[in-house]
Structure formats: C-alpha cells, structure tokens
Amino acid sequence: MSLLSKLRQARQEILARMALIEEMRRGSVTRQFLKIRVKGKSEPNLTGPYALFTSKKEGRTVGRRLHDPEEIRRLEHQVENFHIFQALCRKLVEIGEQICEMKDKEGRR
C-alpha cells in the first residue's frame, strides 16, 4: 500500500470517528471552593466543592452551578467529546496537508 493510500485511509478513519461524536459542548466543568467567614473564628472555612459549568456567550464568560451528579457527568462527557473533536480536526488538517504535499511532488515529476 502506497503512502498516499495510507494517508487516505487514515483520513477516512478520522472522519468516521468524528461522525460517531453526537454530543459535544464548548466550555469547562470545574470545582469551586468558597471561603465562608464564621462568627468568632479568625480564619474562613472552605466549603465545597461546587461544580460549575462555564462557557463563552457573545464574548463573555457565563457560568452556572451544577447540582445534579448526572448532569455534571453528562456535561463533563460533552466537554471531553469537544476536546476529542478538536484533536481529530487538527489531525485531519495535518493529514490533508501531507496529501497536498505528496500530490505536489507527484505533479512536479
């Protein structure tokens, strides 16, 4: 199998993997701790962790606190899928560039 054929096969595999990603979401799920002052104590107590989903909307960062463990798990999975999708996009571009370079070399011979 030629290198060009291998690159085309790798490209098709990446496209197939991308097609399997149904749910994805930009943003992040983080854990937040809050410092709460208690009367009579000099040091604040840390409370939490509280799950927080943040994303960009119209150039601003917006966030919402998450309470349901199932929703937290679902959003984490969706954000992870988005990162996987971005990595696959980068790889797809790299392979596309390699295919272009190979075709350019073949055309010059």
PDB file of N, CA and C in Angstrom:
ATOM      1  N   MET A   1       0.845  -1.174   0.000  1.00  0.00           N
ATOM      2  CA  MET A   1       0.000   0.000   0.000  1.00  0.00           C
ATOM      3  C   MET A   1       0.894   1.242   0.000  1.00  0.00           C
ATOM      4  N   SER A   2       0.594   2.164  -0.892  1.00  0.00           N
ATOM      5  CA  SER A   2       1.406   3.372  -1.001  1.00  0.00           C
ATOM      6  C   SER A   2       1.134   4.305   0.181  1.00  0.00           C
ATOM      7  N   LEU A   3       2.034   5.248   0.381  1.00  0.00           N
ATOM      8  CA  LEU A   3       1.886   6.208   1.473  1.00  0.00           C
ATOM      9  C   LEU A   3       0.634   7.056   1.277  1.00  0.00           C
ATOM     10  N   LEU A   4       0.348   7.425   0.034  1.00  0.00           N
ATOM     11  CA  LEU A   4      -0.854   8.205  -0.251  1.00  0.00           C
ATOM     12  C   LEU A   4      -2.112   7.415   0.123  1.00  0.00           C
ATOM     13  N   SER A   5      -2.130   6.133  -0.173  1.00  0.00           N
ATOM     14  CA  SER A   5      -3.271   5.287   0.192  1.00  0.00           C
ATOM     15  C   SER A   5      -3.420   5.187   1.701  1.00  0.00           C
ATOM     16  N   LYS A   6      -2.297   5.074   2.396  1.00  0.00           N
ATOM     17  CA  LYS A   6      -2.344   5.014   3.865  1.00  0.00           C
ATOM     18  C   LYS A   6      -2.880   6.313   4.454  1.00  0.00           C
ATOM     19  N   LEU A   7      -2.458   7.447   3.886  1.00  0.00           N
ATOM     20  CA  LEU A   7      -2.947   8.735   4.355  1.00  0.00           C
ATOM     21  C   LEU A   7      -4.446   8.871   4.110  1.00  0.00           C
ATOM     22  N   ARG A   8      -4.900   8.425   2.942  1.00  0.00           N
ATOM     23  CA  ARG A   8      -6.333   8.485   2.646  1.00  0.00           C
ATOM     24  C   ARG A   8      -7.132   7.584   3.588  1.00  0.00           C
ATOM     25  N   GLN A   9      -6.579   6.425   3.902  1.00  0.00           N
ATOM     26  CA  GLN A   9      -7.257   5.519   4.828  1.00  0.00           C
ATOM     27  C   GLN A   9      -7.320   6.147   6.229  1.00  0.00           C
ATOM     28  N   ALA A  10      -6.222   6.755   6.675  1.00  0.00           N
ATOM     29  CA  ALA A  10      -6.195   7.415   7.984  1.00  0.00           C
ATOM     30  C   ALA A  10      -7.203   8.563   8.016  1.00  0.00           C
ATOM     31  N   ARG A  11      -7.322   9.281   6.904  1.00  0.00           N
ATOM     32  CA  ARG A  11      -8.290  10.376   6.805  1.00  0.00           C
ATOM     33  C   ARG A  11      -9.714   9.852   6.961  1.00  0.00           C
ATOM     34  N   GLN A  12     -10.020   8.758   6.296  1.00  0.00           N
ATOM     35  CA  GLN A  12     -11.356   8.163   6.394  1.00  0.00           C
ATOM     36  C   GLN A  12     -11.653   7.682   7.815  1.00  0.00           C
ATOM     37  N   GLU A  13     -10.647   7.130   8.491  1.00  0.00           N
ATOM     38  CA  GLU A  13     -10.827   6.667   9.872  1.00  0.00           C
ATOM     39  C   GLU A  13     -11.123   7.837  10.807  1.00  0.00           C
ATOM     40  N   ILE A  14     -10.432   8.948  10.604  1.00  0.00           N
ATOM     41  CA  ILE A  14     -10.681  10.138  11.424  1.00  0.00           C
ATOM     42  C   ILE A  14     -12.091  10.662  11.180  1.00  0.00           C
ATOM     43  N   LEU A  15     -12.504  10.720   9.929  1.00  0.00           N
ATOM     44  CA  LEU A  15     -13.856  11.190   9.611  1.00  0.00           C
ATOM     45  C   LEU A  15     -14.918  10.272  10.230  1.00  0.00           C
ATOM     46  N   ALA A  16     -14.648   8.980  10.229  1.00  0.00           N
ATOM     47  CA  ALA A  16     -15.591   8.032  10.839  1.00  0.00           C
ATOM     48  C   ALA A  16     -15.679   8.257  12.345  1.00  0.00           C
ATOM     49  N   ARG A  17     -14.540   8.488  12.982  1.00  0.00           N
ATOM     50  CA  ARG A  17     -14.534   8.755  14.428  1.00  0.00           C
ATOM     51  C   ARG A  17     -15.261  10.049  14.746  1.00  0.00           C
ATOM     52  N   MET A  18     -15.088  11.065  13.901  1.00  0.00           N
ATOM     53  CA  MET A  18     -15.778  12.336  14.109  1.00  0.00           C
ATOM     54  C   MET A  18     -17.291  12.151  13.997  1.00  0.00           C
ATOM     55  N   ALA A  19     -17.709  11.308  13.058  1.00  0.00           N
ATOM     56  CA  ALA A  19     -19.141  11.089  12.841  1.00  0.00           C
ATOM     57  C   ALA A  19     -19.798  10.406  14.039  1.00  0.00           C
ATOM     58  N   LEU A  20     -19.026   9.692  14.834  1.00  0.00           N
ATOM     59  CA  LEU A  20     -19.569   8.996  15.997  1.00  0.00           C
ATOM     60  C   LEU A  20     -19.833   9.933  17.183  1.00  0.00           C
ATOM     61  N   ILE A  21     -19.246  11.119  17.142  1.00  0.00           N
ATOM     62  CA  ILE A  21     -19.425  12.067  18.247  1.00  0.00           C
ATOM     63  C   ILE A  21     -20.739  12.805  18.031  1.00  0.00           C
ATOM     64  N   GLU A  22     -21.701  12.511  18.874  1.00  0.00           N
ATOM     65  CA  GLU A  22     -23.016  13.133  18.714  1.00  0.00           C
ATOM     66  C   GLU A  22     -23.172  14.348  19.622  1.00  0.00           C
ATOM     67  N   GLU A  23     -22.778  14.207  20.878  1.00  0.00           N
ATOM     68  CA  GLU A  23     -22.933  15.299  21.840  1.00  0.00           C
ATOM     69  C   GLU A  23     -21.581  15.906  22.151  1.00  0.00           C
ATOM     70  N   MET A  24     -21.482  17.218  21.944  1.00  0.00           N
ATOM     71  CA  MET A  24     -20.268  17.924  22.345  1.00  0.00           C
ATOM     72  C   MET A  24     -20.645  19.343  22.716  1.00  0.00           C
ATOM     73  N   ARG A  25     -19.860  19.900  23.594  1.00  0.00           N
ATOM     74  CA  ARG A  25     -20.174  21.233  24.110  1.00  0.00           C
ATOM     75  C   ARG A  25     -18.869  21.950  24.425  1.00  0.00           C
ATOM     76  N   ARG A  26     -18.792  23.234  24.020  1.00  0.00           N
ATOM     77  CA  ARG A  26     -17.643  24.061  24.389  1.00  0.00           C
ATOM     78  C   ARG A  26     -17.822  24.520  25.822  1.00  0.00           C
ATOM     79  N   GLY A  27     -16.734  24.664  26.519  1.00  0.00           N
ATOM     80  CA  GLY A  27     -16.780  25.147  27.892  1.00  0.00           C
ATOM     81  C   GLY A  27     -15.946  24.258  28.785  1.00  0.00           C
ATOM     82  N   SER A  28     -16.184  24.377  30.085  1.00  0.00           N
ATOM     83  CA  SER A  28     -15.461  23.542  31.041  1.00  0.00           C
ATOM     84  C   SER A  28     -16.312  23.326  32.291  1.00  0.00           C
ATOM     85  N   VAL A  29     -16.059  22.205  32.926  1.00  0.00           N
ATOM     86  CA  VAL A  29     -16.691  21.898  34.206  1.00  0.00           C
ATOM     87  C   VAL A  29     -15.571  21.931  35.235  1.00  0.00           C
ATOM     88  N   THR A  30     -15.715  22.802  36.218  1.00  0.00           N
ATOM     89  CA  THR A  30     -14.688  22.943  37.246  1.00  0.00           C
ATOM     90  C   THR A  30     -15.319  22.764  38.624  1.00  0.00           C
ATOM     91  N   ARG A  31     -14.460  22.614  39.618  1.00  0.00           N
ATOM     92  CA  ARG A  31     -14.902  22.532  41.006  1.00  0.00           C
ATOM     93  C   ARG A  31     -14.492  23.817  41.698  1.00  0.00           C
ATOM     94  N   GLN A  32     -15.419  24.385  42.438  1.00  0.00           N
ATOM     95  CA  GLN A  32     -15.199  25.678  43.083  1.00  0.00           C
ATOM     96  C   GLN A  32     -15.326  25.507  44.597  1.00  0.00           C
ATOM     97  N   PHE A  33     -14.436  26.132  45.315  1.00  0.00           N
ATOM     98  CA  PHE A  33     -14.496  26.174  46.777  1.00  0.00           C
ATOM     99  C   PHE A  33     -14.758  27.621  47.187  1.00  0.00           C
ATOM    100  N   LEU A  34     -15.547  27.809  48.211  1.00  0.00           N
ATOM    101  CA  LEU A  34     -15.844  29.154  48.698  1.00  0.00           C
ATOM    102  C   LEU A  34     -15.317  29.313  50.117  1.00  0.00           C
ATOM    103  N   LYS A  35     -14.806  30.503  50.408  1.00  0.00           N
ATOM    104  CA  LYS A  35     -14.356  30.821  51.761  1.00  0.00           C
ATOM    105  C   LYS A  35     -15.512  31.482  52.493  1.00  0.00           C
ATOM    106  N   ILE A  36     -15.935  30.870  53.574  1.00  0.00           N
ATOM    107  CA  ILE A  36     -17.059  31.376  54.358  1.00  0.00           C
ATOM    108  C   ILE A  36     -16.539  31.791  55.735  1.00  0.00           C
ATOM    109  N   ARG A  37     -16.800  33.038  56.096  1.00  0.00           N
ATOM    110  CA  ARG A  37     -16.400  33.517  57.422  1.00  0.00           C
ATOM    111  C   ARG A  37     -17.433  33.069  58.446  1.00  0.00           C
ATOM    112  N   VAL A  38     -16.971  32.502  59.534  1.00  0.00           N
ATOM    113  CA  VAL A  38     -17.842  32.069  60.618  1.00  0.00           C
ATOM    114  C   VAL A  38     -17.603  32.991  61.809  1.00  0.00           C
ATOM    115  N   LYS A  39     -18.689  33.446  62.418  1.00  0.00           N
ATOM    116  CA  LYS A  39     -18.561  34.337  63.569  1.00  0.00           C
ATOM    117  C   LYS A  39     -17.701  33.695  64.647  1.00  0.00           C
ATOM    118  N   GLY A  40     -16.805  34.475  65.179  1.00  0.00           N
ATOM    119  CA  GLY A  40     -15.969  34.006  66.268  1.00  0.00           C
ATOM    120  C   GLY A  40     -14.704  33.291  65.820  1.00  0.00           C
ATOM    121  N   LYS A  41     -14.509  33.073  64.532  1.00  0.00           N
ATOM    122  CA  LYS A  41     -13.293  32.417  64.029  1.00  0.00           C
ATOM    123  C   LYS A  41     -12.514  33.402  63.181  1.00  0.00           C
ATOM    124  N   SER A  42     -11.198  33.347  63.317  1.00  0.00           N
ATOM    125  CA  SER A  42     -10.366  34.286  62.575  1.00  0.00           C
ATOM    126  C   SER A  42     -10.133  33.836  61.125  1.00  0.00           C
ATOM    127  N   GLU A  43     -10.086  32.535  60.911  1.00  0.00           N
ATOM    128  CA  GLU A  43      -9.845  32.006  59.562  1.00  0.00           C
ATOM    129  C   GLU A  43     -11.158  31.566  58.925  1.00  0.00           C
ATOM    130  N   PRO A  44     -11.331  31.858  57.630  1.00  0.00           N
ATOM    131  CA  PRO A  44     -12.561  31.402  56.961  1.00  0.00           C
ATOM    132  C   PRO A  44     -12.528  29.893  56.709  1.00  0.00           C
ATOM    133  N   ASN A  45     -13.695  29.295  56.690  1.00  0.00           N
ATOM    134  CA  ASN A  45     -13.819  27.868  56.361  1.00  0.00           C
ATOM    135  C   ASN A  45     -14.001  27.722  54.860  1.00  0.00           C
ATOM    136  N   LEU A  46     -13.381  26.674  54.294  1.00  0.00           N
ATOM    137  CA  LEU A  46     -13.606  26.364  52.887  1.00  0.00           C
ATOM    138  C   LEU A  46     -14.818  25.456  52.782  1.00  0.00           C
ATOM    139  N   THR A  47     -15.744  25.806  51.925  1.00  0.00           N
ATOM    140  CA  THR A  47     -16.890  24.940  51.669  1.00  0.00           C
ATOM    141  C   THR A  47     -16.867  24.533  50.205  1.00  0.00           C
ATOM    142  N   GLY A  48     -17.403  23.373  49.929  1.00  0.00           N
ATOM    143  CA  GLY A  48     -17.417  22.890  48.562  1.00  0.00           C
ATOM    144  C   GLY A  48     -16.870  21.484  48.514  1.00  0.00           C
ATOM    145  N   PRO A  49     -16.564  20.969  47.403  1.00  0.00           N
ATOM    146  CA  PRO A  49     -16.535  21.644  46.104  1.00  0.00           C
ATOM    147  C   PRO A  49     -17.926  21.760  45.494  1.00  0.00           C
ATOM    148  N   TYR A  50     -18.104  22.821  44.733  1.00  0.00           N
ATOM    149  CA  TYR A  50     -19.316  23.045  43.969  1.00  0.00           C
ATOM    150  C   TYR A  50     -18.942  22.946  42.493  1.00  0.00           C
ATOM    151  N   ALA A  51     -19.693  22.155  41.742  1.00  0.00           N
ATOM    152  CA  ALA A  51     -19.426  22.023  40.307  1.00  0.00           C
ATOM    153  C   ALA A  51     -19.966  23.248  39.590  1.00  0.00           C
ATOM    154  N   LEU A  52     -19.201  23.719  38.619  1.00  0.00           N
ATOM    155  CA  LEU A  52     -19.555  24.919  37.871  1.00  0.00           C
ATOM    156  C   LEU A  52     -19.274  24.679  36.389  1.00  0.00           C
ATOM    157  N   PHE A  53     -20.249  24.948  35.542  1.00  0.00           N
ATOM    158  CA  PHE A  53     -20.056  24.872  34.094  1.00  0.00           C
ATOM    159  C   PHE A  53     -19.896  26.289  33.573  1.00  0.00           C
ATOM    160  N   THR A  54     -18.809  26.550  32.846  1.00  0.00           N
ATOM    161  CA  THR A  54     -18.569  27.874  32.270  1.00  0.00           C
ATOM    162  C   THR A  54     -18.358  27.740  30.770  1.00  0.00           C
ATOM    163  N   SER A  55     -18.802  28.768  30.042  1.00  0.00           N
ATOM    164  CA  SER A  55     -18.596  28.828  28.594  1.00  0.00           C
ATOM    165  C   SER A  55     -18.657  30.288  28.158  1.00  0.00           C
ATOM    166  N   LYS A  56     -18.297  30.521  26.914  1.00  0.00           N
ATOM    167  CA  LYS A  56     -18.322  31.870  26.353  1.00  0.00           C
ATOM    168  C   LYS A  56     -19.620  32.070  25.586  1.00  0.00           C
ATOM    169  N   LYS A  57     -20.297  33.174  25.851  1.00  0.00           N
ATOM    170  CA  LYS A  57     -21.501  33.576  25.119  1.00  0.00           C
ATOM    171  C   LYS A  57     -21.343  35.039  24.742  1.00  0.00           C
ATOM    172  N   GLU A  58     -21.358  35.303  23.465  1.00  0.00           N
ATOM    173  CA  GLU A  58     -21.244  36.675  22.962  1.00  0.00           C
ATOM    174  C   GLU A  58     -20.041  37.406  23.559  1.00  0.00           C
ATOM    175  N   GLY A  59     -18.909  36.709  23.625  1.00  0.00           N
ATOM    176  CA  GLY A  59     -17.677  37.312  24.097  1.00  0.00           C
ATOM    177  C   GLY A  59     -17.530  37.413  25.602  1.00  0.00           C
ATOM    178  N   ARG A  60     -18.513  36.928  26.346  1.00  0.00           N
ATOM    179  CA  ARG A  60     -18.456  36.994  27.807  1.00  0.00           C
ATOM    180  C   ARG A  60     -18.478  35.584  28.376  1.00  0.00           C
ATOM    181  N   THR A  61     -17.812  35.409  29.495  1.00  0.00           N
ATOM    182  CA  THR A  61     -17.843  34.125  30.176  1.00  0.00           C
ATOM    183  C   THR A  61     -19.079  34.060  31.058  1.00  0.00           C
ATOM    184  N   VAL A  62     -19.847  33.012  30.865  1.00  0.00           N
ATOM    185  CA  VAL A  62     -21.029  32.793  31.688  1.00  0.00           C
ATOM    186  C   VAL A  62     -20.879  31.441  32.378  1.00  0.00           C
ATOM    187  N   GLY A  63     -21.465  31.351  33.547  1.00  0.00           N
ATOM    188  CA  GLY A  63     -21.362  30.106  34.297  1.00  0.00           C
ATOM    189  C   GLY A  63     -22.655  29.781  35.005  1.00  0.00           C
ATOM    190  N   ARG A  64     -22.796  28.510  35.286  1.00  0.00           N
ATOM    191  CA  ARG A  64     -23.941  28.100  36.098  1.00  0.00           C
ATOM    192  C   ARG A  64     -23.497  26.967  37.006  1.00  0.00           C
ATOM    193  N   ARG A  65     -24.013  27.003  38.194  1.00  0.00           N
ATOM    194  CA  ARG A  65     -23.678  25.991  39.181  1.00  0.00           C
ATOM    195  C   ARG A  65     -24.476  24.729  38.872  1.00  0.00           C
ATOM    196  N   LEU A  66     -23.808  23.598  39.013  1.00  0.00           N
ATOM    197  CA  LEU A  66     -24.435  22.306  38.741  1.00  0.00           C
ATOM    198  C   LEU A  66     -24.692  21.593  40.057  1.00  0.00           C
ATOM    199  N   HIS A  67     -25.878  21.034  40.180  1.00  0.00           N
ATOM    200  CA  HIS A  67     -26.244  20.354  41.419  1.00  0.00           C
ATOM    201  C   HIS A  67     -26.429  18.851  41.222  1.00  0.00           C
ATOM    202  N   ASP A  68     -26.976  18.468  40.092  1.00  0.00           N
ATOM    203  CA  ASP A  68     -27.302  17.070  39.831  1.00  0.00           C
ATOM    204  C   ASP A  68     -26.052  16.301  39.382  1.00  0.00           C
ATOM    205  N   PRO A  69     -25.656  15.236  40.099  1.00  0.00           N
ATOM    206  CA  PRO A  69     -24.469  14.465  39.710  1.00  0.00           C
ATOM    207  C   PRO A  69     -24.552  13.918  38.284  1.00  0.00           C
ATOM    208  N   GLU A  70     -25.734  13.530  37.833  1.00  0.00           N
ATOM    209  CA  GLU A  70     -25.894  13.027  36.467  1.00  0.00           C
ATOM    210  C   GLU A  70     -25.647  14.139  35.449  1.00  0.00           C
ATOM    211  N   GLU A  71     -26.117  15.344  35.740  1.00  0.00           N
ATOM    212  CA  GLU A  71     -25.879  16.477  34.841  1.00  0.00           C
ATOM    213  C   GLU A  71     -24.388  16.816  34.798  1.00  0.00           C
ATOM    214  N   ILE A  72     -23.724  16.751  35.941  1.00  0.00           N
ATOM    215  CA  ILE A  72     -22.282  17.013  35.985  1.00  0.00           C
ATOM    216  C   ILE A  72     -21.551  16.015  35.097  1.00  0.00           C
ATOM    217  N   ARG A  73     -21.870  14.734  35.239  1.00  0.00           N
ATOM    218  CA  ARG A  73     -21.221  13.684  34.455  1.00  0.00           C
ATOM    219  C   ARG A  73     -21.493  13.895  32.963  1.00  0.00           C
ATOM    220  N   ARG A  74     -22.736  14.225  32.614  1.00  0.00           N
ATOM    221  CA  ARG A  74     -23.118  14.423  31.213  1.00  0.00           C
ATOM    222  C   ARG A  74     -22.367  15.605  30.604  1.00  0.00           C
ATOM    223  N   LEU A  75     -22.305  16.721  31.326  1.00  0.00           N
ATOM    224  CA  LEU A  75     -21.589  17.900  30.804  1.00  0.00           C
ATOM    225  C   LEU A  75     -20.094  17.636  30.686  1.00  0.00           C
ATOM    226  N   GLU A  76     -19.513  16.937  31.656  1.00  0.00           N
ATOM    227  CA  GLU A  76     -18.086  16.594  31.560  1.00  0.00           C
ATOM    228  C   GLU A  76     -17.832  15.746  30.319  1.00  0.00           C
ATOM    229  N   HIS A  77     -18.715  14.796  30.046  1.00  0.00           N
ATOM    230  CA  HIS A  77     -18.585  13.943  28.867  1.00  0.00           C
ATOM    231  C   HIS A  77     -18.700  14.770  27.587  1.00  0.00           C
ATOM    232  N   GLN A  78     -19.643  15.698  27.532  1.00  0.00           N
ATOM    233  CA  GLN A  78     -19.822  16.537  26.354  1.00  0.00           C
ATOM    234  C   GLN A  78     -18.611  17.436  26.110  1.00  0.00           C
ATOM    235  N   VAL A  79     -18.063  18.002  27.177  1.00  0.00           N
ATOM    236  CA  VAL A  79     -16.866  18.849  27.050  1.00  0.00           C
ATOM    237  C   VAL A  79     -15.675  18.002  26.591  1.00  0.00           C
ATOM    238  N   GLU A  80     -15.541  16.803  27.153  1.00  0.00           N
ATOM    239  CA  GLU A  80     -14.462  15.901  26.745  1.00  0.00           C
ATOM    240  C   GLU A  80     -14.597  15.549  25.258  1.00  0.00           C
ATOM    241  N   ASN A  81     -15.827  15.285  24.808  1.00  0.00           N
ATOM    242  CA  ASN A  81     -16.056  14.987  23.386  1.00  0.00           C
ATOM    243  C   ASN A  81     -15.636  16.151  22.508  1.00  0.00           C
ATOM    244  N   PHE A  82     -15.869  17.377  22.964  1.00  0.00           N
ATOM    245  CA  PHE A  82     -15.462  18.536  22.178  1.00  0.00           C
ATOM    246  C   PHE A  82     -13.941  18.590  22.040  1.00  0.00           C
ATOM    247  N   HIS A  83     -13.222  18.286  23.117  1.00  0.00           N
ATOM    248  CA  HIS A  83     -11.755  18.284  23.058  1.00  0.00           C
ATOM    249  C   HIS A  83     -11.244  17.181  22.127  1.00  0.00           C
ATOM    250  N   ILE A  84     -11.895  16.030  22.157  1.00  0.00           N
ATOM    251  CA  ILE A  84     -11.537  14.940  21.242  1.00  0.00           C
ATOM    252  C   ILE A  84     -11.779  15.386  19.800  1.00  0.00           C
ATOM    253  N   PHE A  85     -12.927  16.032  19.558  1.00  0.00           N
ATOM    254  CA  PHE A  85     -13.256  16.518  18.225  1.00  0.00           C
ATOM    255  C   PHE A  85     -12.200  17.519  17.735  1.00  0.00           C
ATOM    256  N   GLN A  86     -11.776  18.428  18.594  1.00  0.00           N
ATOM    257  CA  GLN A  86     -10.742  19.404  18.214  1.00  0.00           C
ATOM    258  C   GLN A  86      -9.437  18.699  17.838  1.00  0.00           C
ATOM    259  N   ALA A  87      -9.049  17.687  18.618  1.00  0.00           N
ATOM    260  CA  ALA A  87      -7.818  16.950  18.323  1.00  0.00           C
ATOM    261  C   ALA A  87      -7.940  16.225  16.986  1.00  0.00           C
ATOM    262  N   LEU A  88      -9.106  15.641  16.716  1.00  0.00           N
ATOM    263  CA  LEU A  88      -9.321  14.965  15.440  1.00  0.00           C
ATOM    264  C   LEU A  88      -9.271  15.962  14.283  1.00  0.00           C
ATOM    265  N   CYS A  89      -9.804  17.156  14.479  1.00  0.00           N
ATOM    266  CA  CYS A  89      -9.741  18.197  13.444  1.00  0.00           C
ATOM    267  C   CYS A  89      -8.295  18.567  13.130  1.00  0.00           C
ATOM    268  N   ARG A  90      -7.495  18.725  14.171  1.00  0.00           N
ATOM    269  CA  ARG A  90      -6.073  19.057  13.947  1.00  0.00           C
ATOM    270  C   ARG A  90      -5.381  17.953  13.160  1.00  0.00           C
ATOM    271  N   LYS A  91      -5.649  16.697  13.530  1.00  0.00           N
ATOM    272  CA  LYS A  91      -5.037  15.560  12.837  1.00  0.00           C
ATOM    273  C   LYS A  91      -5.511  15.498  11.389  1.00  0.00           C
ATOM    274  N   LEU A  92      -6.798  15.781  11.164  1.00  0.00           N
ATOM    275  CA  LEU A  92      -7.341  15.776   9.807  1.00  0.00           C
ATOM    276  C   LEU A  92      -6.650  16.820   8.939  1.00  0.00           C
ATOM    277  N   VAL A  93      -6.413  17.993   9.486  1.00  0.00           N
ATOM    278  CA  VAL A  93      -5.714  19.047   8.740  1.00  0.00           C
ATOM    279  C   VAL A  93      -4.284  18.614   8.431  1.00  0.00           C
ATOM    280  N   GLU A  94      -3.595  18.018   9.407  1.00  0.00           N
ATOM    281  CA  GLU A  94      -2.220  17.546   9.178  1.00  0.00           C
ATOM    282  C   GLU A  94      -2.177  16.522   8.042  1.00  0.00           C
ATOM    283  N   ILE A  95      -3.105  15.583   8.057  1.00  0.00           N
ATOM    284  CA  ILE A  95      -3.138  14.566   7.007  1.00  0.00           C
ATOM    285  C   ILE A  95      -3.472  15.211   5.666  1.00  0.00           C
ATOM    286  N   GLY A  96      -4.407  16.155   5.650  1.00  0.00           N
ATOM    287  CA  GLY A  96      -4.743  16.855   4.412  1.00  0.00           C
ATOM    288  C   GLY A  96      -3.542  17.584   3.834  1.00  0.00           C
ATOM    289  N   GLU A  97      -2.749  18.196   4.705  1.00  0.00           N
ATOM    290  CA  GLU A  97      -1.541  18.887   4.241  1.00  0.00           C
ATOM    291  C   GLU A  97      -0.524  17.901   3.679  1.00  0.00           C
ATOM    292  N   GLN A  98      -0.384  16.744   4.333  1.00  0.00           N
ATOM    293  CA  GLN A  98       0.537  15.726   3.833  1.00  0.00           C
ATOM    294  C   GLN A  98       0.087  15.214   2.467  1.00  0.00           C
ATOM    295  N   ILE A  99      -1.217  15.035   2.290  1.00  0.00           N
ATOM    296  CA  ILE A  99      -1.734  14.605   0.989  1.00  0.00           C
ATOM    297  C   ILE A  99      -1.436  15.654  -0.073  1.00  0.00           C
ATOM    298  N   CYS A 100      -1.634  16.932   0.260  1.00  0.00           N
ATOM    299  CA  CYS A 100      -1.326  18.017  -0.684  1.00  0.00           C
ATOM    300  C   CYS A 100       0.143  17.999  -1.083  1.00  0.00           C
ATOM    301  N   GLU A 101       1.028  17.838  -0.094  1.00  0.00           N
ATOM    302  CA  GLU A 101       2.461  17.815  -0.378  1.00  0.00           C
ATOM    303  C   GLU A 101       2.831  16.649  -1.279  1.00  0.00           C
ATOM    304  N   MET A 102       2.233  15.486  -1.025  1.00  0.00           N
ATOM    305  CA  MET A 102       2.525  14.319  -1.861  1.00  0.00           C
ATOM    306  C   MET A 102       2.046  14.549  -3.292  1.00  0.00           C
ATOM    307  N   LYS A 103       0.860  15.113  -3.456  1.00  0.00           N
ATOM    308  CA  LYS A 103       0.332  15.396  -4.787  1.00  0.00           C
ATOM    309  C   LYS A 103       1.177  16.438  -5.513  1.00  0.00           C
ATOM    310  N   ASP A 104       1.668  17.438  -4.754  1.00  0.00           N
ATOM    311  CA  ASP A 104       2.542  18.448  -5.358  1.00  0.00           C
ATOM    312  C   ASP A 104       3.828  17.805  -5.878  1.00  0.00           C
ATOM    313  N   LYS A 105       4.401  16.900  -5.095  1.00  0.00           N
ATOM    314  CA  LYS A 105       5.635  16.230  -5.503  1.00  0.00           C
ATOM    315  C   LYS A 105       5.396  15.351  -6.741  1.00  0.00           C
ATOM    316  N   GLU A 106       4.259  14.668  -6.773  1.00  0.00           N
ATOM    317  CA  GLU A 106       3.936  13.819  -7.920  1.00  0.00           C
ATOM    318  C   GLU A 106       3.748  14.653  -9.170  1.00  0.00           C
ATOM    319  N   GLY A 107       3.176  15.829  -9.041  1.00  0.00           N
ATOM    320  CA  GLY A 107       2.927  16.695 -10.165  1.00  0.00           C
ATOM    321  C   GLY A 107       4.197  17.297 -10.761  1.00  0.00           C
ATOM    322  N   ARG A 108       5.219  17.405  -9.943  1.00  0.00           N
ATOM    323  CA  ARG A 108       6.475  18.016 -10.386  1.00  0.00           C
ATOM    324  C   ARG A 108       7.377  17.031 -11.113  1.00  0.00           C
ATOM    325  N   ARG A 109       7.119  15.736 -10.945  1.00  0.00           N
ATOM    326  CA  ARG A 109       7.988  14.738 -11.596  1.00  0.00           C
ATOM    327  C   ARG A 109       7.830  14.706 -13.068  1.00  0.00           C
TER     328      ARG A 109
END
